[in-house]
């Protein structure tokens, strides 16, 4: 997987002592091979200086936590990050998916596309997507696009996990 705009490619997922798997990036010319599959508790797709999505597993339920940087990420980076985040969900489909928006105040069409890709992937396996922690501004955006009719909205991640049958 190549990040064309920046000439970067993931070199693998590395488990750190606290059970976090981080996708390390290097210039494409320096990379040989393919990234290994994520099987940890938490994964971050870090693209540069903290721009990331994080995935946590709570039993069979997955939680995607986008960082505030998604508000200003370049389209090519967010698309590539989305591919990295969705890969482990394809390999090990969750029984439910929570997208925790508590760190995001605004997003555009590229992030909406990411949300819809998550929705389609999870629905294909008969599971449900819910959103948690959306600010008033994000709730308004979801309402204006009628996406608030597609996904249940919960005030917190804990409420969303409870609604899907998991726990925090």
Protein backbone atom coordinates (compact mmCIF):
# COMPACT_ATOMS: atom_id res chain seq x y z
CA UNK A 1 0.00 0.00 0.00
CA UNK A 2 1.64 3.24 -1.13
CA UNK A 3 0.82 6.77 -0.02
CA UNK A 4 1.37 8.42 -3.43
CA UNK A 5 1.23 12.04 -2.31
CA UNK A 6 3.98 11.49 0.24
CA UNK A 7 5.89 8.45 -1.06
CA UNK A 8 5.23 6.57 2.19
CA UNK A 9 4.35 2.94 2.73
CA UNK A 10 3.57 1.03 5.93
CA UNK A 11 6.38 -1.32 6.88
CA UNK A 12 4.40 -3.31 9.40
CA UNK A 13 2.49 -3.22 12.61
CA UNK A 14 4.65 -3.34 15.69
CA UNK A 15 3.33 -4.40 19.09
CA UNK A 16 4.57 -2.11 21.82
CA UNK A 17 4.84 -3.17 25.49
CA UNK A 18 1.42 -1.72 26.33
CA UNK A 19 -0.32 -3.86 23.63
CA UNK A 20 -0.55 -1.05 21.08
CA UNK A 21 0.13 -1.85 17.44
CA UNK A 22 1.44 1.09 15.45
CA UNK A 23 1.75 1.23 11.67
CA UNK A 24 5.24 2.62 11.08
CA UNK A 25 5.82 4.58 7.88
CA UNK A 26 8.99 4.79 5.78
CA UNK A 27 9.82 6.13 2.34
CA UNK A 28 8.57 3.70 -0.30
CA UNK A 29 12.03 3.15 -1.72
CA UNK A 30 13.25 1.78 1.62
CA UNK A 31 10.47 -0.79 2.05
CA UNK A 32 10.48 -4.43 1.05
CA UNK A 33 7.60 -6.79 1.85
CA UNK A 34 4.06 -6.25 3.11
CA UNK A 35 2.59 -5.23 6.46
CA UNK A 36 1.63 -7.97 8.88
CA UNK A 37 -1.96 -8.40 10.06
CA UNK A 38 -3.18 -6.63 13.15
CA UNK A 39 -4.29 -8.90 15.94
CA UNK A 40 -3.75 -6.67 19.00
CA UNK A 41 -6.13 -4.88 21.31
CA UNK A 42 -5.45 -1.40 19.96
CA UNK A 43 -4.07 -0.20 16.64
CA UNK A 44 -3.15 3.28 15.48
CA UNK A 45 -2.78 4.20 11.84
CA UNK A 46 -0.34 7.06 12.28
CA UNK A 47 0.42 8.95 9.12
CA UNK A 48 2.46 11.89 10.33
CA UNK A 49 2.87 13.88 13.49
CA UNK A 50 -0.09 12.37 15.33
CA UNK A 51 -2.57 12.16 12.47
CA UNK A 52 -4.32 8.91 13.24
CA UNK A 53 -7.26 6.65 13.75
CA UNK A 54 -7.22 4.17 16.59
CA UNK A 55 -9.08 0.86 16.82
CA UNK A 56 -9.88 -0.81 20.11
CA UNK A 57 -11.57 -4.15 20.64
CA UNK A 58 -14.00 -4.67 23.50
CA UNK A 59 -14.82 -8.34 23.11
CA UNK A 60 -16.44 -8.71 19.70
CA UNK A 61 -17.16 -5.00 19.42
CA UNK A 62 -14.69 -2.68 17.66
CA UNK A 63 -14.30 0.99 18.49
CA UNK A 64 -12.77 3.40 15.98
CA UNK A 65 -11.44 6.60 17.50
CA UNK A 66 -10.45 9.28 14.99
CA UNK A 67 -8.12 11.98 16.29
CA UNK A 68 -8.89 15.68 15.86
CA UNK A 69 -6.47 15.78 12.92
CA UNK A 70 -9.08 14.19 10.62
CA UNK A 71 -10.61 17.67 10.43
CA UNK A 72 -7.61 18.88 8.42
CA UNK A 73 -6.11 15.72 6.91
CA UNK A 74 -5.45 15.71 3.19
CA UNK A 75 -7.89 13.54 1.23
CA UNK A 76 -5.22 11.08 0.09
CA UNK A 77 -4.02 10.54 3.65
CA UNK A 78 -7.47 9.98 5.11
CA UNK A 79 -8.30 7.51 2.33
CA UNK A 80 -5.10 5.56 2.96
CA UNK A 81 -5.65 5.65 6.73
CA UNK A 82 -9.18 4.37 6.15
CA UNK A 83 -7.80 1.40 4.22
CA UNK A 84 -5.43 0.60 7.07
CA UNK A 85 -8.20 0.91 9.67
CA UNK A 86 -10.70 -1.17 7.69
CA UNK A 87 -8.26 -4.02 6.93
CA UNK A 88 -8.40 -5.61 10.41
CA UNK A 89 -12.19 -5.21 10.43
CA UNK A 90 -12.35 -7.18 7.17
CA UNK A 91 -10.05 -9.87 8.55
CA UNK A 92 -11.91 -10.20 11.84
CA UNK A 93 -15.39 -8.68 11.48
CA UNK A 94 -16.78 -7.23 14.71
CA UNK A 95 -20.27 -7.98 16.00
CA UNK A 96 -20.75 -4.23 16.31
CA UNK A 97 -18.84 -1.04 15.57
CA UNK A 98 -18.71 2.15 17.65
CA UNK A 99 -17.21 5.22 16.03
CA UNK A 100 -16.20 7.54 18.86
CA UNK A 101 -16.39 11.10 17.55
CA UNK A 102 -15.65 12.78 20.90
CA UNK A 103 -12.33 14.22 19.65
CA UNK A 104 -13.74 15.53 16.35
CA UNK A 105 -15.50 18.91 16.03
CA UNK A 106 -15.95 18.98 12.26
CA UNK A 107 -15.46 16.79 9.23
CA UNK A 108 -16.07 16.94 5.51
CA UNK A 109 -17.14 14.69 2.68
CA UNK A 110 -13.99 12.53 2.77
CA UNK A 111 -14.63 11.57 6.39
CA UNK A 112 -18.32 10.99 5.63
CA UNK A 113 -17.16 8.62 2.89
CA UNK A 114 -15.02 6.82 5.51
CA UNK A 115 -18.06 6.50 7.81
CA UNK A 116 -20.11 5.04 4.96
CA UNK A 117 -17.34 2.56 4.07
CA UNK A 118 -17.31 1.41 7.70
CA UNK A 119 -21.09 1.09 7.60
CA UNK A 120 -21.09 -0.98 4.41
CA UNK A 121 -18.35 -3.31 5.67
CA UNK A 122 -20.00 -3.96 9.02
CA UNK A 123 -23.53 -4.30 7.58
CA UNK A 124 -22.23 -6.88 5.09
CA UNK A 125 -21.52 -9.09 8.10
CA UNK A 126 -24.91 -8.39 9.71
CA UNK A 127 -23.54 -6.06 12.37
CA UNK A 128 -24.48 -2.56 13.47
CA UNK A 129 -22.63 0.76 13.46
CA UNK A 130 -23.32 3.39 16.11
CA UNK A 131 -21.76 6.79 16.76
CA UNK A 132 -20.68 8.08 20.15
CA UNK A 133 -19.61 11.38 21.63
CA UNK A 134 -20.65 13.62 18.73
CA UNK A 135 -20.52 17.34 19.50
CA UNK A 136 -23.52 19.55 18.76
CA UNK A 137 -21.79 20.77 15.60
CA UNK A 138 -21.19 17.20 14.38
CA UNK A 139 -24.78 16.22 15.31
CA UNK A 140 -26.03 19.14 13.23
CA UNK A 141 -23.89 18.03 10.28
CA UNK A 142 -25.18 14.47 10.62
CA UNK A 143 -28.75 15.80 10.74
CA UNK A 144 -28.29 18.04 7.67
CA UNK A 145 -26.98 15.06 5.69
CA UNK A 146 -29.70 12.77 7.13
CA UNK A 147 -26.99 10.42 8.41
CA UNK A 148 -28.49 10.69 11.89
CA UNK A 149 -31.26 8.45 10.53
CA UNK A 150 -28.72 5.80 9.48
CA UNK A 151 -26.85 5.45 12.77
CA UNK A 152 -27.89 5.62 16.41
CA UNK A 153 -26.15 8.43 18.29
CA UNK A 154 -24.98 8.00 21.88
CA UNK A 155 -23.56 10.62 24.21
CA UNK A 156 -20.62 8.45 25.27
CA UNK A 157 -18.61 5.44 24.18
CA UNK A 158 -19.76 3.56 27.30
CA UNK A 159 -23.43 4.06 26.36
CA UNK A 160 -22.76 2.93 22.80
CA UNK A 161 -20.90 -0.20 23.96
CA UNK A 162 -23.71 -1.03 26.36
CA UNK A 163 -26.28 -0.62 23.58
CA UNK A 164 -24.33 -3.07 21.39
CA UNK A 165 -24.02 -5.57 24.22
CA UNK A 166 -20.42 -4.84 25.17
CA UNK A 167 -18.94 -3.07 28.14
CA UNK A 168 -16.32 -0.40 28.67
